[in-house]
Amino acid sequence: MDLPLDQHLLYQDLTAKLDRLGGPDQLIAYMGQVLRTLLRRQGDAEFRGAIQDAFISGLMGRDWPGQVALAREVILIVIAKRPEIALAWQKQQGGDDNPHRRAADRGLAPAGGGPTLICPIST
């Protein structure tokens, strides 16, 4: 899956930390922190809970390398598809699409093709 540079760097950072974990208990705690960070909006809480439950269920019957591989895949999918997944989840749950949500959170590319500098950086 191709990711924009910023998302790729985030993925690399989050998955590099997986290699330092000591077992399933640490993996579950770490993934809980990662998912809370990536899916931190109030409207994401139910979706985050569903992802966490599915992840924990998916760990059963896997050896340690398989558990880490599953964690990597979950992180990749959440980083890459978060806006689209969150919107689909919201529509499935009967929520309306808030027009004030950021374009990225509605699965749309921002106008202008790049970030907007809000505050100039002085040197």
Protein backbone atom coordinates (compact mmCIF):
# COMPACT_ATOMS: atom_id res chain seq x y z
CA MET A 1 0.00 0.00 0.00
CA ASP A 2 1.49 3.33 -1.05
CA LEU A 3 1.41 6.00 1.63
CA PRO A 4 2.23 9.71 1.44
CA LEU A 5 5.61 10.50 2.99
CA ASP A 6 4.22 11.79 6.30
CA GLN A 7 2.02 8.73 6.76
CA HIS A 8 4.90 6.43 5.77
CA LEU A 9 7.15 8.02 8.41
CA LEU A 10 4.42 7.66 11.02
CA TYR A 11 3.98 3.99 10.07
CA GLN A 12 7.72 3.36 10.29
CA ASP A 13 7.93 5.02 13.70
CA LEU A 14 4.97 3.14 15.16
CA THR A 15 5.99 -0.26 13.78
CA ALA A 16 9.66 0.12 14.79
CA LYS A 17 8.47 0.21 18.39
CA LEU A 18 6.76 -3.17 17.93
CA ASP A 19 10.15 -4.87 17.73
CA ARG A 20 11.01 -3.72 21.25
CA LEU A 21 7.92 -5.16 22.92
CA GLY A 22 8.33 -8.14 25.20
CA GLY A 23 5.14 -10.12 24.69
CA PRO A 24 1.40 -10.15 24.05
CA ASP A 25 0.47 -8.07 27.12
CA GLN A 26 2.80 -5.26 26.06
CA LEU A 27 1.57 -5.57 22.46
CA ILE A 28 -2.07 -5.18 23.50
CA ALA A 29 -1.24 -2.16 25.68
CA TYR A 30 0.85 -0.56 22.92
CA MET A 31 -1.82 -1.11 20.28
CA GLY A 32 -4.39 0.42 22.62
CA GLN A 33 -2.23 3.55 22.85
CA VAL A 34 -1.66 3.62 19.08
CA LEU A 35 -5.35 3.27 18.29
CA ARG A 36 -6.30 5.92 20.88
CA THR A 37 -3.82 8.27 19.22
CA LEU A 38 -4.83 7.56 15.63
CA LEU A 39 -8.58 7.42 16.37
CA ARG A 40 -8.83 10.10 19.03
CA ARG A 41 -11.94 11.99 17.98
CA GLN A 42 -15.00 11.53 20.16
CA GLY A 43 -16.92 10.09 17.19
CA ASP A 44 -14.20 7.46 16.71
CA ALA A 45 -14.67 5.85 20.15
CA GLU A 46 -17.08 3.10 19.12
CA PHE A 47 -15.12 2.37 15.95
CA ARG A 48 -11.85 2.28 17.93
CA GLY A 49 -13.41 -0.19 20.35
CA ALA A 50 -14.47 -2.45 17.49
CA ILE A 51 -10.97 -2.36 15.98
CA GLN A 52 -9.38 -3.11 19.37
CA ASP A 53 -11.73 -6.04 19.99
CA ALA A 54 -11.09 -7.46 16.51
CA PHE A 55 -7.34 -7.07 16.99
CA ILE A 56 -7.36 -8.86 20.34
CA SER A 57 -9.53 -11.65 18.91
CA GLY A 58 -7.15 -11.95 15.97
CA LEU A 59 -4.19 -12.52 18.28
CA MET A 60 -5.55 -15.85 19.52
CA GLY A 61 -3.85 -18.85 17.99
CA ARG A 62 -1.01 -16.83 16.46
CA ASP A 63 2.62 -17.14 17.44
CA TRP A 64 4.57 -14.01 18.44
CA PRO A 65 5.77 -13.16 14.90
CA GLY A 66 2.19 -13.58 13.67
CA GLN A 67 0.88 -11.28 16.39
CA VAL A 68 3.43 -8.59 15.50
CA ALA A 69 2.57 -8.98 11.79
CA LEU A 70 -1.12 -8.50 12.61
CA ALA A 71 -0.28 -5.36 14.60
CA ARG A 72 1.70 -3.98 11.65
CA GLU A 73 -1.21 -4.60 9.30
CA VAL A 74 -3.74 -2.97 11.64
CA ILE A 75 -1.51 0.10 12.01
CA LEU A 76 -1.06 0.34 8.23
CA ILE A 77 -4.77 0.07 7.50
CA VAL A 78 -5.78 2.56 10.18
CA ILE A 79 -3.17 5.11 9.01
CA ALA A 80 -3.98 4.71 5.32
CA LYS A 81 -7.74 4.34 5.49
CA ARG A 82 -8.81 6.15 8.64
CA PRO A 83 -10.84 8.89 6.91
CA GLU A 84 -12.69 6.48 4.62
CA ILE A 85 -13.27 3.88 7.34
CA ALA A 86 -14.48 6.47 9.84
CA LEU A 87 -16.91 7.97 7.33
CA ALA A 88 -18.28 4.55 6.34
CA TRP A 89 -18.62 3.58 10.01
CA GLN A 90 -20.42 6.82 10.79
CA LYS A 91 -22.86 6.32 7.90
CA GLN A 92 -23.48 2.71 8.92
CA GLN A 93 -24.24 3.86 12.46
CA GLY A 94 -26.76 6.39 11.14
CA GLY A 95 -24.74 9.51 11.90
CA ASP A 96 -24.90 12.46 9.56
CA ASP A 97 -21.85 13.67 7.74
CA ASN A 98 -20.93 16.86 9.54
CA PRO A 99 -20.03 19.42 6.85
CA HIS A 100 -17.68 21.12 9.32
CA ARG A 101 -15.38 18.11 9.56
CA ARG A 102 -11.98 18.51 7.97
CA ALA A 103 -11.85 17.40 4.34
CA ALA A 104 -9.29 14.73 5.28
CA ASP A 105 -11.71 13.28 7.82
CA ARG A 106 -14.40 13.04 5.17
CA GLY A 107 -12.08 11.12 2.83
CA LEU A 108 -11.49 14.10 0.55
CA ALA A 109 -8.21 15.53 -0.62
CA PRO A 110 -7.62 19.07 0.64
CA ALA A 111 -7.98 21.83 -1.93
CA GLY A 112 -4.72 23.27 -3.17
CA GLY A 113 -2.84 20.00 -2.97
CA GLY A 114 -0.70 20.83 0.02
CA PRO A 115 -0.63 21.98 3.61
CA THR A 116 -1.51 25.54 4.49
CA LEU A 117 0.89 27.48 6.66
CA ILE A 118 -1.21 28.95 9.43
CA CYS A 119 1.50 30.63 11.44
CA PRO A 120 4.68 31.81 9.81
CA ILE A 121 7.86 30.42 11.29
CA SER A 122 10.37 33.08 12.19
CA THR A 123 14.06 32.35 12.44
